[in-house]
Amino acid sequence: MNARIKIGKKIREIRKSKNLTQEEVSLKSGVKRATVTNLENGRFDAKLSTIEKIADAINCDITIEERK
């Protein structure tokens, strides 16, 4: 599974765990709802700044881990 898909799945998982809609994340982040949708579905190569805005909107950190 590539990074784009992993990031999208994790964003969706966290968003849903906080009972947020894509529209709410869009409003909080200033990112278009369609971008949130496409990112969650792994169909969008987002800039890091876009991912940071969404991460802030869902109150999570971005981390990189060493592969095992």
Protein backbone atom coordinates (compact mmCIF):
# COMPACT_ATOMS: atom_id res chain seq x y z
CA MET A 1 0.00 0.00 0.00
CA ASN A 2 1.49 3.33 -0.99
CA ALA A 3 1.85 6.34 1.30
CA ARG A 4 -0.96 8.30 -0.37
CA ILE A 5 -3.47 5.56 0.44
CA LYS A 6 -2.15 5.08 3.99
CA ILE A 7 -2.38 8.79 4.73
CA GLY A 8 -5.90 9.00 3.34
CA LYS A 9 -7.11 6.01 5.33
CA LYS A 10 -5.60 7.37 8.54
CA ILE A 11 -7.15 10.81 8.03
CA ARG A 12 -10.57 9.21 7.45
CA GLU A 13 -10.16 6.98 10.52
CA ILE A 14 -9.27 9.90 12.79
CA ARG A 15 -11.96 12.16 11.32
CA LYS A 16 -14.65 9.54 11.88
CA SER A 17 -13.41 8.76 15.41
CA LYS A 18 -14.02 12.43 16.23
CA ASN A 19 -17.46 12.36 14.59
CA LEU A 20 -16.47 15.02 12.07
CA THR A 21 -17.88 15.22 8.56
CA GLN A 22 -15.72 15.99 5.56
CA GLU A 23 -17.56 19.31 5.31
CA GLU A 24 -16.61 20.20 8.89
CA VAL A 25 -12.98 19.33 8.22
CA SER A 26 -13.14 21.42 5.06
CA LEU A 27 -14.47 24.44 6.95
CA LYS A 28 -11.95 24.08 9.79
CA SER A 29 -8.98 23.59 7.46
CA GLY A 30 -9.85 25.92 4.61
CA VAL A 31 -9.38 23.01 2.20
CA LYS A 32 -12.13 22.22 -0.31
CA ARG A 33 -14.37 19.30 0.67
CA ALA A 34 -13.60 17.61 -2.67
CA THR A 35 -9.90 17.72 -1.77
CA VAL A 36 -10.61 16.09 1.60
CA THR A 37 -12.67 13.40 -0.16
CA ASN A 38 -10.02 12.73 -2.79
CA LEU A 39 -7.25 12.64 -0.20
CA GLU A 40 -9.16 10.17 1.97
CA ASN A 41 -9.72 7.96 -1.08
CA GLY A 42 -6.06 8.02 -2.12
CA ARG A 43 -6.82 9.84 -5.36
CA PHE A 44 -4.93 13.04 -4.63
CA ASP A 45 -1.23 13.86 -4.30
CA ALA A 46 -1.61 16.59 -1.70
CA LYS A 47 1.03 19.11 -0.80
CA LEU A 48 2.41 18.75 2.70
CA SER A 49 0.86 22.13 3.57
CA THR A 50 -2.60 20.76 2.67
CA ILE A 51 -2.06 17.68 4.81
CA GLU A 52 -0.91 19.92 7.68
CA LYS A 53 -4.09 22.01 7.45
CA ILE A 54 -6.25 18.89 7.57
CA ALA A 55 -4.20 17.42 10.43
CA ASP A 56 -4.69 20.63 12.41
CA ALA A 57 -8.44 20.54 11.67
CA ILE A 58 -8.74 17.01 13.09
CA ASN A 59 -6.26 17.75 15.90
CA CYS A 60 -3.58 15.21 15.04
CA ASP A 61 0.16 15.18 14.41
CA ILE A 62 2.01 14.07 11.31
CA THR A 63 4.80 11.59 12.02
CA ILE A 64 7.21 9.52 9.99
CA GLU A 65 8.24 6.13 11.31
CA GLU A 66 11.10 3.89 10.36
CA ARG A 67 10.05 0.85 8.38
CA LYS A 68 10.44 -2.48 10.08
